[in-house]
PDB file of all heavy atoms in Angstrom:
ATOM      1  N   ALA A   1     -77.623 -58.427  97.523  1.00  0.00           N
ATOM      2  CA  ALA A   1     -78.280 -57.157  97.744  1.00  0.00           C
ATOM      3  C   ALA A   1     -79.556 -56.938  96.979  1.00  0.00           C
ATOM      4  O   ALA A   1     -80.639 -57.170  97.497  1.00  0.00           O
ATOM      5  CB  ALA A   1     -77.316 -56.032  97.459  1.00  0.00           C
ATOM      6  N   ALA A   2     -79.454 -56.480  95.768  1.00  0.00           N
ATOM      7  CA  ALA A   2     -80.669 -56.078  95.055  1.00  0.00           C
ATOM      8  C   ALA A   2     -81.219 -57.165  94.174  1.00  0.00           C
ATOM      9  O   ALA A   2     -81.828 -56.908  93.166  1.00  0.00           O
ATOM     10  CB  ALA A   2     -80.387 -54.831  94.225  1.00  0.00           C
ATOM     11  N   ARG A   3     -81.017 -58.396  94.566  1.00  0.00           N
ATOM     12  CA  ARG A   3     -81.493 -59.498  93.735  1.00  0.00           C
ATOM     13  C   ARG A   3     -82.965 -59.769  93.986  1.00  0.00           C
ATOM     14  O   ARG A   3     -83.617 -60.455  93.234  1.00  0.00           O
ATOM     15  CB  ARG A   3     -80.710 -60.784  94.031  1.00  0.00           C
ATOM     16  CG  ARG A   3     -79.203 -60.585  93.979  1.00  0.00           C
ATOM     17  CD  ARG A   3     -78.728 -59.993  92.666  1.00  0.00           C
ATOM     18  NE  ARG A   3     -77.286 -59.926  92.590  1.00  0.00           N
ATOM     19  CZ  ARG A   3     -76.628 -59.269  91.669  1.00  0.00           C
ATOM     20  NH1 ARG A   3     -77.270 -58.618  90.739  1.00  0.00           N
ATOM     21  NH2 ARG A   3     -75.320 -59.259  91.651  1.00  0.00           N
ATOM     22  N   ALA A   4     -83.478 -59.221  95.083  1.00  0.00           N
ATOM     23  CA  ALA A   4     -84.871 -59.492  95.426  1.00  0.00           C
ATOM     24  C   ALA A   4     -85.731 -58.274  95.136  1.00  0.00           C
ATOM     25  O   ALA A   4     -85.256 -57.160  95.116  1.00  0.00           O
ATOM     26  CB  ALA A   4     -84.989 -59.858  96.902  1.00  0.00           C
ATOM     27  N   SER A   5     -87.014 -58.511  94.913  1.00  0.00           N
ATOM     28  CA  SER A   5     -87.974 -57.429  94.807  1.00  0.00           C
ATOM     29  C   SER A   5     -88.417 -57.051  96.208  1.00  0.00           C
ATOM     30  O   SER A   5     -88.154 -57.798  97.161  1.00  0.00           O
ATOM     31  CB  SER A   5     -89.193 -57.900  94.006  1.00  0.00           C
ATOM     32  OG  SER A   5     -89.901 -58.862  94.759  1.00  0.00           O
ATOM     33  N   PRO A   6     -89.078 -55.904  96.400  1.00  0.00           N
ATOM     34  CA  PRO A   6     -89.555 -55.576  97.754  1.00  0.00           C
ATOM     35  C   PRO A   6     -90.490 -56.625  98.304  1.00  0.00           C
ATOM     36  O   PRO A   6     -90.494 -56.900  99.495  1.00  0.00           O
ATOM     37  CB  PRO A   6     -90.273 -54.221  97.550  1.00  0.00           C
ATOM     38  CG  PRO A   6     -90.449 -54.071  96.084  1.00  0.00           C
ATOM     39  CD  PRO A   6     -89.362 -54.850  95.448  1.00  0.00           C
ATOM     40  N   MET A   7     -91.301 -57.258  97.425  1.00  0.00           N
ATOM     41  CA  MET A   7     -92.211 -58.303  97.913  1.00  0.00           C
ATOM     42  C   MET A   7     -91.424 -59.517  98.367  1.00  0.00           C
ATOM     43  O   MET A   7     -91.720 -60.122  99.403  1.00  0.00           O
ATOM     44  CB  MET A   7     -93.187 -58.684  96.801  1.00  0.00           C
ATOM     45  CG  MET A   7     -94.298 -59.612  97.277  1.00  0.00           C
ATOM     46  SD  MET A   7     -95.275 -58.858  98.594  1.00  0.00           S
ATOM     47  CE  MET A   7     -96.213 -57.655  97.676  1.00  0.00           C
ATOM     48  N   GLN A   8     -90.359 -59.878  97.618  1.00  0.00           N
ATOM     49  CA  GLN A   8     -89.520 -61.001  98.025  1.00  0.00           C
ATOM     50  C   GLN A   8     -88.817 -60.680  99.341  1.00  0.00           C
ATOM     51  O   GLN A   8     -88.678 -61.542 100.198  1.00  0.00           O
ATOM     52  CB  GLN A   8     -88.496 -61.308  96.936  1.00  0.00           C
ATOM     53  CG  GLN A   8     -89.089 -61.947  95.694  1.00  0.00           C
ATOM     54  CD  GLN A   8     -88.084 -61.992  94.566  1.00  0.00           C
ATOM     55  OE1 GLN A   8     -87.232 -61.128  94.431  1.00  0.00           O
ATOM     56  NE2 GLN A   8     -88.199 -63.023  93.747  1.00  0.00           N
ATOM     57  N   ALA A   9     -88.348 -59.439  99.467  1.00  0.00           N
ATOM     58  CA  ALA A   9     -87.688 -59.040 100.705  1.00  0.00           C
ATOM     59  C   ALA A   9     -88.642 -59.125 101.885  1.00  0.00           C
ATOM     60  O   ALA A   9     -88.283 -59.578 102.976  1.00  0.00           O
ATOM     61  CB  ALA A   9     -87.147 -57.613 100.566  1.00  0.00           C
ATOM     62  N   LEU A  10     -89.887 -58.693 101.668  1.00  0.00           N
ATOM     63  CA  LEU A  10     -90.875 -58.753 102.736  1.00  0.00           C
ATOM     64  C   LEU A  10     -91.189 -60.206 103.095  1.00  0.00           C
ATOM     65  O   LEU A  10     -91.300 -60.564 104.261  1.00  0.00           O
ATOM     66  CB  LEU A  10     -92.148 -58.032 102.286  1.00  0.00           C
ATOM     67  CG  LEU A  10     -93.228 -57.845 103.354  1.00  0.00           C
ATOM     68  CD1 LEU A  10     -92.665 -57.081 104.539  1.00  0.00           C
ATOM     69  CD2 LEU A  10     -94.403 -57.107 102.777  1.00  0.00           C
ATOM     70  N   LYS A  11     -91.310 -61.064 102.042  1.00  0.00           N
ATOM     71  CA  LYS A  11     -91.535 -62.487 102.297  1.00  0.00           C
ATOM     72  C   LYS A  11     -90.412 -63.065 103.144  1.00  0.00           C
ATOM     73  O   LYS A  11     -90.640 -63.847 104.064  1.00  0.00           O
ATOM     74  CB  LYS A  11     -91.615 -63.250 100.973  1.00  0.00           C
ATOM     75  CG  LYS A  11     -92.932 -63.129 100.233  1.00  0.00           C
ATOM     76  CD  LYS A  11     -92.879 -63.996  98.980  1.00  0.00           C
ATOM     77  CE  LYS A  11     -94.153 -63.859  98.161  1.00  0.00           C
ATOM     78  NZ  LYS A  11     -94.093 -64.653  96.929  1.00  0.00           N
ATOM     79  N   SER A  12     -89.165 -62.674 102.801  1.00  0.00           N
ATOM     80  CA  SER A  12     -88.005 -63.188 103.536  1.00  0.00           C
ATOM     81  C   SER A  12     -88.064 -62.768 104.995  1.00  0.00           C
ATOM     82  O   SER A  12     -87.812 -63.568 105.898  1.00  0.00           O
ATOM     83  CB  SER A  12     -86.725 -62.662 102.882  1.00  0.00           C
ATOM     84  OG  SER A  12     -85.605 -63.060 103.617  1.00  0.00           O
ATOM     85  N   ALA A  13     -88.415 -61.489 105.242  1.00  0.00           N
ATOM     86  CA  ALA A  13     -88.511 -61.011 106.616  1.00  0.00           C
ATOM     87  C   ALA A  13     -89.607 -61.748 107.380  1.00  0.00           C
ATOM     88  O   ALA A  13     -89.436 -62.118 108.541  1.00  0.00           O
ATOM     89  CB  ALA A  13     -88.787 -59.499 106.628  1.00  0.00           C
ATOM     90  N   VAL A  14     -90.735 -61.987 106.693  1.00  0.00           N
ATOM     91  CA  VAL A  14     -91.844 -62.714 107.316  1.00  0.00           C
ATOM     92  C   VAL A  14     -91.439 -64.131 107.656  1.00  0.00           C
ATOM     93  O   VAL A  14     -91.717 -64.655 108.730  1.00  0.00           O
ATOM     94  CB  VAL A  14     -93.083 -62.712 106.391  1.00  0.00           C
ATOM     95  CG1 VAL A  14     -94.120 -63.697 106.851  1.00  0.00           C
ATOM     96  CG2 VAL A  14     -93.693 -61.313 106.329  1.00  0.00           C
ATOM     97  N   LYS A  15     -90.705 -64.790 106.712  1.00  0.00           N
ATOM     98  CA  LYS A  15     -90.249 -66.157 106.947  1.00  0.00           C
ATOM     99  C   LYS A  15     -89.320 -66.227 108.151  1.00  0.00           C
ATOM    100  O   LYS A  15     -89.424 -67.105 108.999  1.00  0.00           O
ATOM    101  CB  LYS A  15     -89.517 -66.694 105.709  1.00  0.00           C
ATOM    102  CG  LYS A  15     -90.432 -67.269 104.637  1.00  0.00           C
ATOM    103  CD  LYS A  15     -89.597 -67.894 103.529  1.00  0.00           C
ATOM    104  CE  LYS A  15     -90.500 -68.500 102.465  1.00  0.00           C
ATOM    105  NZ  LYS A  15     -89.698 -69.089 101.373  1.00  0.00           N
ATOM    106  N   LYS A  16     -88.356 -65.279 108.210  1.00  0.00           N
ATOM    107  CA  LYS A  16     -87.407 -65.271 109.324  1.00  0.00           C
ATOM    108  C   LYS A  16     -88.116 -65.072 110.645  1.00  0.00           C
ATOM    109  O   LYS A  16     -87.860 -65.765 111.629  1.00  0.00           O
ATOM    110  CB  LYS A  16     -86.380 -64.159 109.116  1.00  0.00           C
ATOM    111  CG  LYS A  16     -85.342 -64.462 108.051  1.00  0.00           C
ATOM    112  CD  LYS A  16     -84.389 -63.285 107.921  1.00  0.00           C
ATOM    113  CE  LYS A  16     -83.399 -63.519 106.779  1.00  0.00           C
ATOM    114  NZ  LYS A  16     -82.543 -62.334 106.574  1.00  0.00           N
ATOM    115  N   ALA A  17     -89.017 -64.094 110.660  1.00  0.00           N
ATOM    116  CA  ALA A  17     -89.741 -63.819 111.898  1.00  0.00           C
ATOM    117  C   ALA A  17     -90.602 -65.000 112.315  1.00  0.00           C
ATOM    118  O   ALA A  17     -90.718 -65.329 113.483  1.00  0.00           O
ATOM    119  CB  ALA A  17     -90.604 -62.564 111.732  1.00  0.00           C
ATOM    120  N   ALA A  18     -91.209 -65.687 111.306  1.00  0.00           N
ATOM    121  CA  ALA A  18     -92.045 -66.845 111.606  1.00  0.00           C
ATOM    122  C   ALA A  18     -91.214 -67.970 112.199  1.00  0.00           C
ATOM    123  O   ALA A  18     -91.624 -68.645 113.146  1.00  0.00           O
ATOM    124  CB  ALA A  18     -92.740 -67.332 110.330  1.00  0.00           C
ATOM    125  N   ALA A  19     -89.994 -68.164 111.644  1.00  0.00           N
ATOM    126  CA  ALA A  19     -89.124 -69.215 112.147  1.00  0.00           C
ATOM    127  C   ALA A  19     -88.712 -68.938 113.573  1.00  0.00           C
ATOM    128  O   ALA A  19     -88.695 -69.823 114.442  1.00  0.00           O
ATOM    129  CB  ALA A  19     -87.892 -69.336 111.258  1.00  0.00           C
ATOM    130  N   LYS A  20     -88.392 -67.652 113.865  1.00  0.00           N
ATOM    131  CA  LYS A  20     -87.988 -67.299 115.224  1.00  0.00           C
ATOM    132  C   LYS A  20     -89.151 -67.399 116.186  1.00  0.00           C
ATOM    133  O   LYS A  20     -89.012 -67.790 117.334  1.00  0.00           O
ATOM    134  CB  LYS A  20     -87.396 -65.897 115.226  1.00  0.00           C
ATOM    135  CG  LYS A  20     -86.010 -65.870 114.572  1.00  0.00           C
ATOM    136  CD  LYS A  20     -85.531 -64.448 114.360  1.00  0.00           C
ATOM    137  CE  LYS A  20     -84.192 -64.464 113.634  1.00  0.00           C
ATOM    138  NZ  LYS A  20     -83.773 -63.136 113.200  1.00  0.00           N
ATOM    139  N   THR A  21     -90.348 -67.041 115.691  1.00  0.00           N
ATOM    140  CA  THR A  21     -91.547 -67.154 116.522  1.00  0.00           C
ATOM    141  C   THR A  21     -91.817 -68.616 116.880  1.00  0.00           C
ATOM    142  O   THR A  21     -92.122 -68.955 118.018  1.00  0.00           O
ATOM    143  CB  THR A  21     -92.775 -66.578 115.788  1.00  0.00           C
ATOM    144  OG1 THR A  21     -92.522 -65.205 115.500  1.00  0.00           O
ATOM    145  CG2 THR A  21     -94.021 -66.676 116.633  1.00  0.00           C
ATOM    146  N   ALA A  22     -91.690 -69.488 115.874  1.00  0.00           N
ATOM    147  CA  ALA A  22     -91.943 -70.912 116.096  1.00  0.00           C
ATOM    148  C   ALA A  22     -90.935 -71.487 117.081  1.00  0.00           C
ATOM    149  O   ALA A  22     -91.235 -72.360 117.891  1.00  0.00           O
ATOM    150  CB  ALA A  22     -91.863 -71.659 114.773  1.00  0.00           C
ATOM    151  N   LYS A  23     -89.683 -70.966 117.017  1.00  0.00           N
ATOM    152  CA  LYS A  23     -88.627 -71.488 117.884  1.00  0.00           C
ATOM    153  C   LYS A  23     -88.840 -71.065 119.326  1.00  0.00           C
ATOM    154  O   LYS A  23     -88.706 -71.834 120.266  1.00  0.00           O
ATOM    155  CB  LYS A  23     -87.283 -70.953 117.381  1.00  0.00           C
ATOM    156  CG  LYS A  23     -86.214 -72.007 117.242  1.00  0.00           C
ATOM    157  CD  LYS A  23     -84.973 -71.394 116.598  1.00  0.00           C
ATOM    158  CE  LYS A  23     -83.972 -72.495 116.275  1.00  0.00           C
ATOM    159  NZ  LYS A  23     -82.762 -71.954 115.649  1.00  0.00           N
ATOM    160  N   SER A  24     -89.184 -69.775 119.506  1.00  0.00           N
ATOM    161  CA  SER A  24     -89.284 -69.235 120.859  1.00  0.00           C
ATOM    162  C   SER A  24     -90.676 -69.371 121.443  1.00  0.00           C
ATOM    163  O   SER A  24     -90.849 -69.287 122.651  1.00  0.00           O
ATOM    164  CB  SER A  24     -88.907 -67.758 120.847  1.00  0.00           C
ATOM    165  OG  SER A  24     -89.817 -67.036 120.072  1.00  0.00           O
ATOM    166  N   GLY A  25     -91.673 -69.567 120.567  1.00  0.00           N
ATOM    167  CA  GLY A  25     -93.055 -69.673 121.048  1.00  0.00           C
ATOM    168  C   GLY A  25     -93.682 -68.341 121.322  1.00  0.00           C
ATOM    169  O   GLY A  25     -94.753 -68.223 121.877  1.00  0.00           O
ATOM    170  N   LYS A  26     -92.981 -67.237 120.963  1.00  0.00           N
ATOM    171  CA  LYS A  26     -93.553 -65.909 121.177  1.00  0.00           C
ATOM    172  C   LYS A  26     -93.117 -64.984 120.041  1.00  0.00           C
ATOM    173  O   LYS A  26     -92.140 -65.254 119.354  1.00  0.00           O
ATOM    174  CB  LYS A  26     -93.139 -65.336 122.513  1.00  0.00           C
ATOM    175  CG  LYS A  26     -91.636 -65.294 122.727  1.00  0.00           C
ATOM    176  CD  LYS A  26     -91.326 -64.858 124.138  1.00  0.00           C
ATOM    177  CE  LYS A  26     -89.818 -64.862 124.403  1.00  0.00           C
ATOM    178  NZ  LYS A  26     -89.493 -64.513 125.766  1.00  0.00           N
ATOM    179  N   PRO A  27     -93.801 -63.857 119.868  1.00  0.00           N
ATOM    180  CA  PRO A  27     -93.473 -62.970 118.764  1.00  0.00           C
ATOM    181  C   PRO A  27     -92.062 -62.423 118.864  1.00  0.00           C
ATOM    182  O   PRO A  27     -91.503 -62.281 119.956  1.00  0.00           O
ATOM    183  CB  PRO A  27     -94.515 -61.847 118.873  1.00  0.00           C
ATOM    184  CG  PRO A  27     -95.613 -62.418 119.678  1.00  0.00           C
ATOM    185  CD  PRO A  27     -94.967 -63.408 120.604  1.00  0.00           C
ATOM    186  N   ARG A  28     -91.489 -62.094 117.730  1.00  0.00           N
ATOM    187  CA  ARG A  28     -90.164 -61.504 117.641  1.00  0.00           C
ATOM    188  C   ARG A  28     -90.155 -60.121 118.259  1.00  0.00           C
ATOM    189  O   ARG A  28     -91.012 -59.297 117.993  1.00  0.00           O
ATOM    190  CB  ARG A  28     -89.774 -61.424 116.156  1.00  0.00           C
ATOM    191  CG  ARG A  28     -88.603 -60.530 115.850  1.00  0.00           C
ATOM    192  CD  ARG A  28     -87.340 -61.318 115.877  1.00  0.00           C
ATOM    193  NE  ARG A  28     -86.222 -60.487 115.455  1.00  0.00           N
ATOM    194  CZ  ARG A  28     -85.011 -60.646 115.957  1.00  0.00           C
ATOM    195  NH1 ARG A  28     -84.785 -61.573 116.857  1.00  0.00           N
ATOM    196  NH2 ARG A  28     -84.020 -59.912 115.530  1.00  0.00           N
ATOM    197  N   LYS A  29     -89.157 -59.845 119.119  1.00  0.00           N
ATOM    198  CA  LYS A  29     -89.042 -58.525 119.716  1.00  0.00           C
ATOM    199  C   LYS A  29     -88.073 -57.672 118.898  1.00  0.00           C
ATOM    200  O   LYS A  29     -87.200 -58.189 118.219  1.00  0.00           O
ATOM    201  CB  LYS A  29     -88.532 -58.621 121.144  1.00  0.00           C
ATOM    202  CG  LYS A  29     -89.550 -59.222 122.102  1.00  0.00           C
ATOM    203  CD  LYS A  29     -89.019 -59.204 123.506  1.00  0.00           C
ATOM    204  CE  LYS A  29     -90.043 -59.782 124.483  1.00  0.00           C
ATOM    205  NZ  LYS A  29     -89.509 -59.822 125.856  1.00  0.00           N
TER     206      LYS A  29
END
């Protein structure tokens, strides 16, 4: 839960979205 800072949490969300974007070839909906 609170082990990350807001910046780390944002990085994590960006990484996940980037991985899904790369997989599907289109932006995350």
